[in-house]
Amino acid sequence: MSAKNCWLAFGIGVAAGAAMALLYAPQSGAKTRRRLRRGVEDAGDYLESAGDYLKEQAERFSEEAQKALDRTRSQAESVVGKASDVVSGAVKSAQSLV
């Protein structure tokens, strides 16, 4: 079979397949386009709401992280203050012994 005959057979097959798809399509083209458009709009709405949800969660986690950081900073300052008091007391005790 020559290349020309092969391409001709392929073209006829494509045309026959397209004709069969149009004949047996369950809906009209306009209805199919409306459904596709609605599907794209629904997907856009879903992605927008998912983005809003993720943004809210990121803000909430950021606030929680800031609170944890503030608590840790406060506890560290308290520990440093107590350690300073203990060292000062030890220095005074050592000076009184000398």
PDB file of N, CA and C in Angstrom:
ATOM      1  N   MET A   1       0.857  -1.173   0.000  1.00  0.00           N
ATOM      2  CA  MET A   1       0.000   0.000   0.000  1.00  0.00           C
ATOM      3  C   MET A   1       0.900   1.231   0.000  1.00  0.00           C
ATOM      4  N   SER A   2       0.642   2.160  -0.905  1.00  0.00           N
ATOM      5  CA  SER A   2       1.456   3.358  -1.011  1.00  0.00           C
ATOM      6  C   SER A   2       1.081   4.343   0.085  1.00  0.00           C
ATOM      7  N   ALA A   3       1.945   5.320   0.304  1.00  0.00           N
ATOM      8  CA  ALA A   3       1.706   6.333   1.336  1.00  0.00           C
ATOM      9  C   ALA A   3       0.459   7.139   1.009  1.00  0.00           C
ATOM     10  N   LYS A   4       0.232   7.382  -0.269  1.00  0.00           N
ATOM     11  CA  LYS A   4      -0.953   8.144  -0.680  1.00  0.00           C
ATOM     12  C   LYS A   4      -2.233   7.395  -0.318  1.00  0.00           C
ATOM     13  N   ASN A   5      -2.259   6.102  -0.586  1.00  0.00           N
ATOM     14  CA  ASN A   5      -3.437   5.282  -0.265  1.00  0.00           C
ATOM     15  C   ASN A   5      -3.640   5.176   1.252  1.00  0.00           C
ATOM     16  N   CYS A   6      -2.525   5.110   1.967  1.00  0.00           N
ATOM     17  CA  CYS A   6      -2.610   5.024   3.435  1.00  0.00           C
ATOM     18  C   CYS A   6      -3.238   6.292   4.009  1.00  0.00           C
ATOM     19  N   TRP A   7      -2.791   7.454   3.539  1.00  0.00           N
ATOM     20  CA  TRP A   7      -3.357   8.730   4.018  1.00  0.00           C
ATOM     21  C   TRP A   7      -4.809   8.890   3.584  1.00  0.00           C
ATOM     22  N   LEU A   8      -5.149   8.398   2.397  1.00  0.00           N
ATOM     23  CA  LEU A   8      -6.526   8.465   1.922  1.00  0.00           C
ATOM     24  C   LEU A   8      -7.423   7.608   2.812  1.00  0.00           C
ATOM     25  N   ALA A   9      -6.981   6.421   3.141  1.00  0.00           N
ATOM     26  CA  ALA A   9      -7.754   5.535   4.009  1.00  0.00           C
ATOM     27  C   ALA A   9      -7.891   6.151   5.405  1.00  0.00           C
ATOM     28  N   PHE A  10      -6.813   6.760   5.879  1.00  0.00           N
ATOM     29  CA  PHE A  10      -6.865   7.429   7.191  1.00  0.00           C
ATOM     30  C   PHE A  10      -7.870   8.580   7.172  1.00  0.00           C
ATOM     31  N   GLY A  11      -7.858   9.411   6.144  1.00  0.00           N
ATOM     32  CA  GLY A  11      -8.791  10.534   6.013  1.00  0.00           C
ATOM     33  C   GLY A  11     -10.228  10.068   5.957  1.00  0.00           C
ATOM     34  N   ILE A  12     -10.485   8.990   5.195  1.00  0.00           N
ATOM     35  CA  ILE A  12     -11.845   8.449   5.117  1.00  0.00           C
ATOM     36  C   ILE A  12     -12.287   7.926   6.479  1.00  0.00           C
ATOM     37  N   GLY A  13     -11.383   7.296   7.186  1.00  0.00           N
ATOM     38  CA  GLY A  13     -11.708   6.785   8.528  1.00  0.00           C
ATOM     39  C   GLY A  13     -12.031   7.920   9.495  1.00  0.00           C
ATOM     40  N   VAL A  14     -11.252   8.988   9.439  1.00  0.00           N
ATOM     41  CA  VAL A  14     -11.498  10.149  10.307  1.00  0.00           C
ATOM     42  C   VAL A  14     -12.846  10.757   9.978  1.00  0.00           C
ATOM     43  N   ALA A  15     -13.145  10.928   8.688  1.00  0.00           N
ATOM     44  CA  ALA A  15     -14.425  11.511   8.272  1.00  0.00           C
ATOM     45  C   ALA A  15     -15.585  10.618   8.708  1.00  0.00           C
ATOM     46  N   ALA A  16     -15.440   9.318   8.547  1.00  0.00           N
ATOM     47  CA  ALA A  16     -16.500   8.397   8.948  1.00  0.00           C
ATOM     48  C   ALA A  16     -16.698   8.440  10.470  1.00  0.00           C
ATOM     49  N   GLY A  17     -15.617   8.501  11.205  1.00  0.00           N
ATOM     50  CA  GLY A  17     -15.720   8.576  12.666  1.00  0.00           C
ATOM     51  C   GLY A  17     -16.390   9.862  13.118  1.00  0.00           C
ATOM     52  N   ALA A  18     -16.035  10.972  12.495  1.00  0.00           N
ATOM     53  CA  ALA A  18     -16.651  12.259  12.845  1.00  0.00           C
ATOM     54  C   ALA A  18     -18.129  12.242  12.515  1.00  0.00           C
ATOM     55  N   ALA A  19     -18.496  11.663  11.344  1.00  0.00           N
ATOM     56  CA  ALA A  19     -19.908  11.591  10.959  1.00  0.00           C
ATOM     57  C   ALA A  19     -20.687  10.731  11.949  1.00  0.00           C
ATOM     58  N   MET A  20     -20.124   9.623  12.362  1.00  0.00           N
ATOM     59  CA  MET A  20     -20.805   8.743  13.324  1.00  0.00           C
ATOM     60  C   MET A  20     -20.949   9.431  14.688  1.00  0.00           C
ATOM     61  N   ALA A  21     -19.933  10.180  15.091  1.00  0.00           N
ATOM     62  CA  ALA A  21     -20.000  10.894  16.370  1.00  0.00           C
ATOM     63  C   ALA A  21     -21.108  11.929  16.339  1.00  0.00           C
ATOM     64  N   LEU A  22     -21.240  12.634  15.206  1.00  0.00           N
ATOM     65  CA  LEU A  22     -22.308  13.634  15.095  1.00  0.00           C
ATOM     66  C   LEU A  22     -23.688  12.989  15.050  1.00  0.00           C
ATOM     67  N   LEU A  23     -23.786  11.850  14.355  1.00  0.00           N
ATOM     68  CA  LEU A  23     -25.095  11.181  14.259  1.00  0.00           C
ATOM     69  C   LEU A  23     -25.556  10.596  15.596  1.00  0.00           C
ATOM     70  N   TYR A  24     -24.613  10.103  16.376  1.00  0.00           N
ATOM     71  CA  TYR A  24     -24.968   9.445  17.626  1.00  0.00           C
ATOM     72  C   TYR A  24     -24.713  10.295  18.862  1.00  0.00           C
ATOM     73  N   ALA A  25     -24.435  11.567  18.672  1.00  0.00           N
ATOM     74  CA  ALA A  25     -24.202  12.451  19.816  1.00  0.00           C
ATOM     75  C   ALA A  25     -25.498  12.568  20.617  1.00  0.00           C
ATOM     76  N   PRO A  26     -25.430  12.479  21.934  1.00  0.00           N
ATOM     77  CA  PRO A  26     -26.651  12.512  22.752  1.00  0.00           C
ATOM     78  C   PRO A  26     -27.269  13.909  22.851  1.00  0.00           C
ATOM     79  N   GLN A  27     -26.518  14.947  22.492  1.00  0.00           N
ATOM     80  CA  GLN A  27     -27.024  16.311  22.633  1.00  0.00           C
ATOM     81  C   GLN A  27     -26.620  17.133  21.417  1.00  0.00           C
ATOM     82  N   SER A  28     -27.262  18.274  21.287  1.00  0.00           N
ATOM     83  CA  SER A  28     -26.890  19.183  20.213  1.00  0.00           C
ATOM     84  C   SER A  28     -25.585  19.880  20.590  1.00  0.00           C
ATOM     85  N   GLY A  29     -24.968  20.497  19.597  1.00  0.00           N
ATOM     86  CA  GLY A  29     -23.717  21.213  19.846  1.00  0.00           C
ATOM     87  C   GLY A  29     -23.903  22.370  20.806  1.00  0.00           C
ATOM     88  N   ALA A  30     -25.000  23.112  20.659  1.00  0.00           N
ATOM     89  CA  ALA A  30     -25.254  24.258  21.538  1.00  0.00           C
ATOM     90  C   ALA A  30     -25.411  23.796  22.986  1.00  0.00           C
ATOM     91  N   LYS A  31     -26.133  22.708  23.166  1.00  0.00           N
ATOM     92  CA  LYS A  31     -26.336  22.198  24.524  1.00  0.00           C
ATOM     93  C   LYS A  31     -25.010  21.706  25.117  1.00  0.00           C
ATOM     94  N   THR A  32     -24.218  21.048  24.293  1.00  0.00           N
ATOM     95  CA  THR A  32     -22.918  20.566  24.762  1.00  0.00           C
ATOM     96  C   THR A  32     -22.022  21.738  25.152  1.00  0.00           C
ATOM     97  N   ARG A  33     -22.012  22.797  24.328  1.00  0.00           N
ATOM     98  CA  ARG A  33     -21.206  23.970  24.657  1.00  0.00           C
ATOM     99  C   ARG A  33     -21.676  24.628  25.945  1.00  0.00           C
ATOM    100  N   ARG A  34     -22.998  24.695  26.168  1.00  0.00           N
ATOM    101  CA  ARG A  34     -23.518  25.263  27.424  1.00  0.00           C
ATOM    102  C   ARG A  34     -23.070  24.438  28.624  1.00  0.00           C
ATOM    103  N   ARG A  35     -23.137  23.123  28.479  1.00  0.00           N
ATOM    104  CA  ARG A  35     -22.709  22.257  29.585  1.00  0.00           C
ATOM    105  C   ARG A  35     -21.219  22.419  29.864  1.00  0.00           C
ATOM    106  N   LEU A  36     -20.429  22.508  28.808  1.00  0.00           N
ATOM    107  CA  LEU A  36     -18.990  22.717  28.994  1.00  0.00           C
ATOM    108  C   LEU A  36     -18.722  24.064  29.661  1.00  0.00           C
ATOM    109  N   ARG A  37     -19.412  25.113  29.222  1.00  0.00           N
ATOM    110  CA  ARG A  37     -19.230  26.440  29.811  1.00  0.00           C
ATOM    111  C   ARG A  37     -19.621  26.416  31.292  1.00  0.00           C
ATOM    112  N   ARG A  38     -20.742  25.764  31.596  1.00  0.00           N
ATOM    113  CA  ARG A  38     -21.181  25.666  32.989  1.00  0.00           C
ATOM    114  C   ARG A  38     -20.161  24.896  33.825  1.00  0.00           C
ATOM    115  N   GLY A  39     -19.608  23.833  33.240  1.00  0.00           N
ATOM    116  CA  GLY A  39     -18.591  23.059  33.949  1.00  0.00           C
ATOM    117  C   GLY A  39     -17.349  23.887  34.237  1.00  0.00           C
ATOM    118  N   VAL A  40     -16.941  24.694  33.275  1.00  0.00           N
ATOM    119  CA  VAL A  40     -15.764  25.556  33.472  1.00  0.00           C
ATOM    120  C   VAL A  40     -16.062  26.603  34.541  1.00  0.00           C
ATOM    121  N   GLU A  41     -17.271  27.186  34.506  1.00  0.00           N
ATOM    122  CA  GLU A  41     -17.645  28.180  35.521  1.00  0.00           C
ATOM    123  C   GLU A  41     -17.694  27.554  36.910  1.00  0.00           C
ATOM    124  N   ASP A  42     -18.265  26.337  36.996  1.00  0.00           N
ATOM    125  CA  ASP A  42     -18.304  25.645  38.284  1.00  0.00           C
ATOM    126  C   ASP A  42     -16.903  25.355  38.801  1.00  0.00           C
ATOM    127  N   ALA A  43     -16.012  24.950  37.896  1.00  0.00           N
ATOM    128  CA  ALA A  43     -14.626  24.674  38.294  1.00  0.00           C
ATOM    129  C   ALA A  43     -13.967  25.956  38.792  1.00  0.00           C
ATOM    130  N   GLY A  44     -14.234  27.072  38.122  1.00  0.00           N
ATOM    131  CA  GLY A  44     -13.681  28.357  38.560  1.00  0.00           C
ATOM    132  C   GLY A  44     -14.189  28.744  39.937  1.00  0.00           C
ATOM    133  N   ASP A  45     -15.505  28.549  40.169  1.00  0.00           N
ATOM    134  CA  ASP A  45     -16.073  28.852  41.484  1.00  0.00           C
ATOM    135  C   ASP A  45     -15.458  27.969  42.561  1.00  0.00           C
ATOM    136  N   TYR A  46     -15.283  26.687  42.241  1.00  0.00           N
ATOM    137  CA  TYR A  46     -14.692  25.756  43.207  1.00  0.00           C
ATOM    138  C   TYR A  46     -13.262  26.166  43.539  1.00  0.00           C
ATOM    139  N   LEU A  47     -12.486  26.506  42.517  1.00  0.00           N
ATOM    140  CA  LEU A  47     -11.104  26.906  42.763  1.00  0.00           C
ATOM    141  C   LEU A  47     -11.040  28.198  43.572  1.00  0.00           C
ATOM    142  N   GLU A  48     -11.976  29.120  43.318  1.00  0.00           N
ATOM    143  CA  GLU A  48     -11.993  30.364  44.078  1.00  0.00           C
ATOM    144  C   GLU A  48     -12.318  30.103  45.546  1.00  0.00           C
ATOM    145  N   SER A  49     -13.317  29.250  45.803  1.00  0.00           N
ATOM    146  CA  SER A  49     -13.664  28.963  47.192  1.00  0.00           C
ATOM    147  C   SER A  49     -12.541  28.173  47.885  1.00  0.00           C
ATOM    148  N   ALA A  50     -11.890  27.277  47.150  1.00  0.00           N
ATOM    149  CA  ALA A  50     -10.765  26.539  47.729  1.00  0.00           C
ATOM    150  C   ALA A  50      -9.623  27.492  48.060  1.00  0.00           C
ATOM    151  N   GLY A  51      -9.380  28.467  47.200  1.00  0.00           N
ATOM    152  CA  GLY A  51      -8.340  29.460  47.460  1.00  0.00           C
ATOM    153  C   GLY A  51      -8.668  30.298  48.684  1.00  0.00           C
ATOM    154  N   ASP A  52      -9.948  30.697  48.817  1.00  0.00           N
ATOM    155  CA  ASP A  52     -10.358  31.471  49.993  1.00  0.00           C
ATOM    156  C   ASP A  52     -10.169  30.661  51.266  1.00  0.00           C
ATOM    157  N   TYR A  53     -10.546  29.382  51.213  1.00  0.00           N
ATOM    158  CA  TYR A  53     -10.393  28.507  52.381  1.00  0.00           C
ATOM    159  C   TYR A  53      -8.919  28.372  52.762  1.00  0.00           C
ATOM    160  N   LEU A  54      -8.072  28.151  51.761  1.00  0.00           N
ATOM    161  CA  LEU A  54      -6.643  28.005  52.047  1.00  0.00           C
ATOM    162  C   LEU A  54      -6.058  29.298  52.602  1.00  0.00           C
ATOM    163  N   LYS A  55      -6.527  30.438  52.115  1.00  0.00           N
ATOM    164  CA  LYS A  55      -6.052  31.720  52.627  1.00  0.00           C
ATOM    165  C   LYS A  55      -6.451  31.886  54.089  1.00  0.00           C
ATOM    166  N   GLU A  56      -7.708  31.531  54.416  1.00  0.00           N
ATOM    167  CA  GLU A  56      -8.165  31.619  55.809  1.00  0.00           C
ATOM    168  C   GLU A  56      -7.343  30.714  56.714  1.00  0.00           C
ATOM    169  N   GLN A  57      -7.066  29.501  56.241  1.00  0.00           N
ATOM    170  CA  GLN A  57      -6.286  28.562  57.045  1.00  0.00           C
ATOM    171  C   GLN A  57      -4.864  29.077  57.247  1.00  0.00           C
ATOM    172  N   ALA A  58      -4.282  29.652  56.223  1.00  0.00           N
ATOM    173  CA  ALA A  58      -2.923  30.195  56.348  1.00  0.00           C
ATOM    174  C   ALA A  58      -2.893  31.340  57.349  1.00  0.00           C
ATOM    175  N   GLU A  59      -3.911  32.194  57.318  1.00  0.00           N
ATOM    176  CA  GLU A  59      -3.975  33.298  58.279  1.00  0.00           C
ATOM    177  C   GLU A  59      -4.137  32.768  59.702  1.00  0.00           C
ATOM    178  N   ARG A  60      -4.986  31.751  59.857  1.00  0.00           N
ATOM    179  CA  ARG A  60      -5.197  31.172  61.186  1.00  0.00           C
ATOM    180  C   ARG A  60      -3.905  30.544  61.707  1.00  0.00           C
ATOM    181  N   PHE A  61      -3.211  29.796  60.872  1.00  0.00           N
ATOM    182  CA  PHE A  61      -1.956  29.175  61.294  1.00  0.00           C
ATOM    183  C   PHE A  61      -0.911  30.230  61.612  1.00  0.00           C
ATOM    184  N   SER A  62      -0.900  31.311  60.857  1.00  0.00           N
ATOM    185  CA  SER A  62       0.036  32.401  61.122  1.00  0.00           C
ATOM    186  C   SER A  62      -0.233  33.017  62.487  1.00  0.00           C
ATOM    187  N   GLU A  63      -1.502  33.238  62.803  1.00  0.00           N
ATOM    188  CA  GLU A  63      -1.863  33.793  64.108  1.00  0.00           C
ATOM    189  C   GLU A  63      -1.466  32.845  65.237  1.00  0.00           C
ATOM    190  N   GLU A  64      -1.713  31.558  65.049  1.00  0.00           N
ATOM    191  CA  GLU A  64      -1.350  30.571  66.069  1.00  0.00           C
ATOM    192  C   GLU A  64       0.170  30.517  66.251  1.00  0.00           C
ATOM    193  N   ALA A  65       0.906  30.593  65.162  1.00  0.00           N
ATOM    194  CA  ALA A  65       2.371  30.579  65.255  1.00  0.00           C
ATOM    195  C   ALA A  65       2.869  31.813  65.998  1.00  0.00           C
ATOM    196  N   GLN A  66       2.252  32.972  65.722  1.00  0.00           N
ATOM    197  CA  GLN A  66       2.651  34.202  66.408  1.00  0.00           C
ATOM    198  C   GLN A  66       2.372  34.094  67.900  1.00  0.00           C
ATOM    199  N   LYS A  67       1.217  33.515  68.273  1.00  0.00           N
ATOM    200  CA  LYS A  67       0.891  33.326  69.697  1.00  0.00           C
ATOM    201  C   LYS A  67       1.909  32.402  70.364  1.00  0.00           C
ATOM    202  N   ALA A  68       2.254  31.307  69.683  1.00  0.00           N
ATOM    203  CA  ALA A  68       3.228  30.367  70.240  1.00  0.00           C
ATOM    204  C   ALA A  68       4.588  31.040  70.390  1.00  0.00           C
ATOM    205  N   LEU A  69       4.974  31.854  69.428  1.00  0.00           N
ATOM    206  CA  LEU A  69       6.239  32.577  69.500  1.00  0.00           C
ATOM    207  C   LEU A  69       6.234  33.549  70.674  1.00  0.00           C
ATOM    208  N   ASP A  70       5.121  34.255  70.866  1.00  0.00           N
ATOM    209  CA  ASP A  70       5.021  35.198  71.988  1.00  0.00           C
ATOM    210  C   ASP A  70       5.099  34.467  73.327  1.00  0.00           C
ATOM    211  N   ARG A  71       4.413  33.313  73.426  1.00  0.00           N
ATOM    212  CA  ARG A  71       4.472  32.531  74.680  1.00  0.00           C
ATOM    213  C   ARG A  71       5.894  32.052  74.938  1.00  0.00           C
ATOM    214  N   THR A  72       6.561  31.568  73.923  1.00  0.00           N
ATOM    215  CA  THR A  72       7.932  31.075  74.079  1.00  0.00           C
ATOM    216  C   THR A  72       8.864  32.207  74.485  1.00  0.00           C
ATOM    217  N   ARG A  73       8.693  33.363  73.847  1.00  0.00           N
ATOM    218  CA  ARG A  73       9.530  34.517  74.189  1.00  0.00           C
ATOM    219  C   ARG A  73       9.313  34.909  75.647  1.00  0.00           C
ATOM    220  N   SER A  74       8.055  34.933  76.096  1.00  0.00           N
ATOM    221  CA  SER A  74       7.735  35.291  77.479  1.00  0.00           C
ATOM    222  C   SER A  74       8.352  34.287  78.455  1.00  0.00           C
ATOM    223  N   GLN A  75       8.233  33.003  78.127  1.00  0.00           N
ATOM    224  CA  GLN A  75       8.811  31.978  79.003  1.00  0.00           C
ATOM    225  C   GLN A  75      10.336  32.085  79.041  1.00  0.00           C
ATOM    226  N   ALA A  76      10.951  32.359  77.899  1.00  0.00           N
ATOM    227  CA  ALA A  76      12.410  32.492  77.871  1.00  0.00           C
ATOM    228  C   ALA A  76      12.855  33.694  78.703  1.00  0.00           C
ATOM    229  N   GLU A  77      12.132  34.804  78.593  1.00  0.00           N
ATOM    230  CA  GLU A  77      12.476  35.985  79.389  1.00  0.00           C
ATOM    231  C   GLU A  77      12.315  35.697  80.880  1.00  0.00           C
ATOM    232  N   SER A  78      11.287  34.919  81.234  1.00  0.00           N
ATOM    233  CA  SER A  78      11.074  34.558  82.638  1.00  0.00           C
ATOM    234  C   SER A  78      12.225  33.692  83.158  1.00  0.00           C
ATOM    235  N   VAL A  79      12.634  32.723  82.342  1.00  0.00           N
ATOM    236  CA  VAL A  79      13.730  31.840  82.736  1.00  0.00           C
ATOM    237  C   VAL A  79      15.025  32.637  82.866  1.00  0.00           C
ATOM    238  N   VAL A  80      15.281  33.540  81.935  1.00  0.00           N
ATOM    239  CA  VAL A  80      16.488  34.356  81.998  1.00  0.00           C
ATOM    240  C   VAL A  80      16.452  35.233  83.251  1.00  0.00           C
ATOM    241  N   GLY A  81      15.304  35.799  83.568  1.00  0.00           N
ATOM    242  CA  GLY A  81      15.172  36.623  84.772  1.00  0.00           C
ATOM    243  C   GLY A  81      15.447  35.827  86.035  1.00  0.00           C
ATOM    244  N   LYS A  82      14.881  34.609  86.118  1.00  0.00           N
ATOM    245  CA  LYS A  82      15.107  33.763  87.285  1.00  0.00           C
ATOM    246  C   LYS A  82      16.567  33.336  87.378  1.00  0.00           C
ATOM    247  N   ALA A  83      17.163  33.010  86.238  1.00  0.00           N
ATOM    248  CA  ALA A  83      18.575  32.617  86.242  1.00  0.00           C
ATOM    249  C   ALA A  83      19.443  33.791  86.680  1.00  0.00           C
ATOM    250  N   SER A  84      19.100  34.976  86.261  1.00  0.00           N
ATOM    251  CA  SER A  84      19.841  36.172  86.664  1.00  0.00           C
ATOM    252  C   SER A  84      19.743  36.377  88.174  1.00  0.00           C
ATOM    253  N   ASP A  85      18.540  36.177  88.716  1.00  0.00           N
ATOM    254  CA  ASP A  85      18.355  36.296  90.165  1.00  0.00           C
ATOM    255  C   ASP A  85      19.196  35.263  90.911  1.00  0.00           C
ATOM    256  N   VAL A  86      19.221  34.033  90.416  1.00  0.00           N
ATOM    257  CA  VAL A  86      19.999  32.968  91.066  1.00  0.00           C
ATOM    258  C   VAL A  86      21.484  33.299  91.013  1.00  0.00           C
ATOM    259  N   VAL A  87      21.964  33.770  89.869  1.00  0.00           N
ATOM    260  CA  VAL A  87      23.380  34.128  89.732  1.00  0.00           C
ATOM    261  C   VAL A  87      23.713  35.291  90.648  1.00  0.00           C
ATOM    262  N   SER A  88      22.826  36.294  90.719  1.00  0.00           N
ATOM    263  CA  SER A  88      23.064  37.441  91.608  1.00  0.00           C
ATOM    264  C   SER A  88      23.132  36.979  93.060  1.00  0.00           C
ATOM    265  N   GLY A  89      22.233  36.081  93.428  1.00  0.00           N
ATOM    266  CA  GLY A  89      22.248  35.543  94.789  1.00  0.00           C
ATOM    267  C   GLY A  89      23.521  34.766  95.072  1.00  0.00           C
ATOM    268  N   ALA A  90      23.977  33.992  94.096  1.00  0.00           N
ATOM    269  CA  ALA A  90      25.205  33.221  94.269  1.00  0.00           C
ATOM    270  C   ALA A  90      26.405  34.148  94.393  1.00  0.00           C
ATOM    271  N   VAL A  91      26.412  35.237  93.625  1.00  0.00           N
ATOM    272  CA  VAL A  91      27.516  36.195  93.697  1.00  0.00           C
ATOM    273  C   VAL A  91      27.536  36.856  95.058  1.00  0.00           C
ATOM    274  N   LYS A  92      26.382  37.235  95.585  1.00  0.00           N
ATOM    275  CA  LYS A  92      26.301  37.867  96.897  1.00  0.00           C
ATOM    276  C   LYS A  92      26.764  36.901  98.004  1.00  0.00           C
ATOM    277  N   SER A  93      26.333  35.623  97.821  1.00  0.00           N
ATOM    278  CA  SER A  93      26.761  34.631  98.818  1.00  0.00           C
ATOM    279  C   SER A  93      28.278  34.438  98.771  1.00  0.00           C
ATOM    280  N   ALA A  94      28.833  34.417  97.587  1.00  0.00           N
ATOM    281  CA  ALA A  94      30.274  34.240  97.465  1.00  0.00           C
ATOM    282  C   ALA A  94      31.010  35.460  98.002  1.00  0.00           C
ATOM    283  N   GLN A  95      30.469  36.653  97.800  1.00  0.00           N
ATOM    284  CA  GLN A  95      31.110  37.857  98.312  1.00  0.00           C
ATOM    285  C   GLN A  95      31.044  37.905  99.831  1.00  0.00           C
ATOM    286  N   SER A  96      29.939  37.399 100.395  1.00  0.00           N
ATOM    287  CA  SER A  96      29.839  37.436 101.860  1.00  0.00           C
ATOM    288  C   SER A  96      30.808  36.428 102.489  1.00  0.00           C
ATOM    289  N   LEU A  97      31.171  35.405 101.802  1.00  0.00           N
ATOM    290  CA  LEU A  97      32.115  34.428 102.307  1.00  0.00           C
ATOM    291  C   LEU A  97      33.548  34.963 102.223  1.00  0.00           C
ATOM    292  N   VAL A  98      33.789  35.850 101.350  1.00  0.00           N
ATOM    293  CA  VAL A  98      35.159  36.365 101.167  1.00  0.00           C
ATOM    294  C   VAL A  98      35.465  37.454 102.112  1.00  0.00           C
TER     295      VAL A  98
END
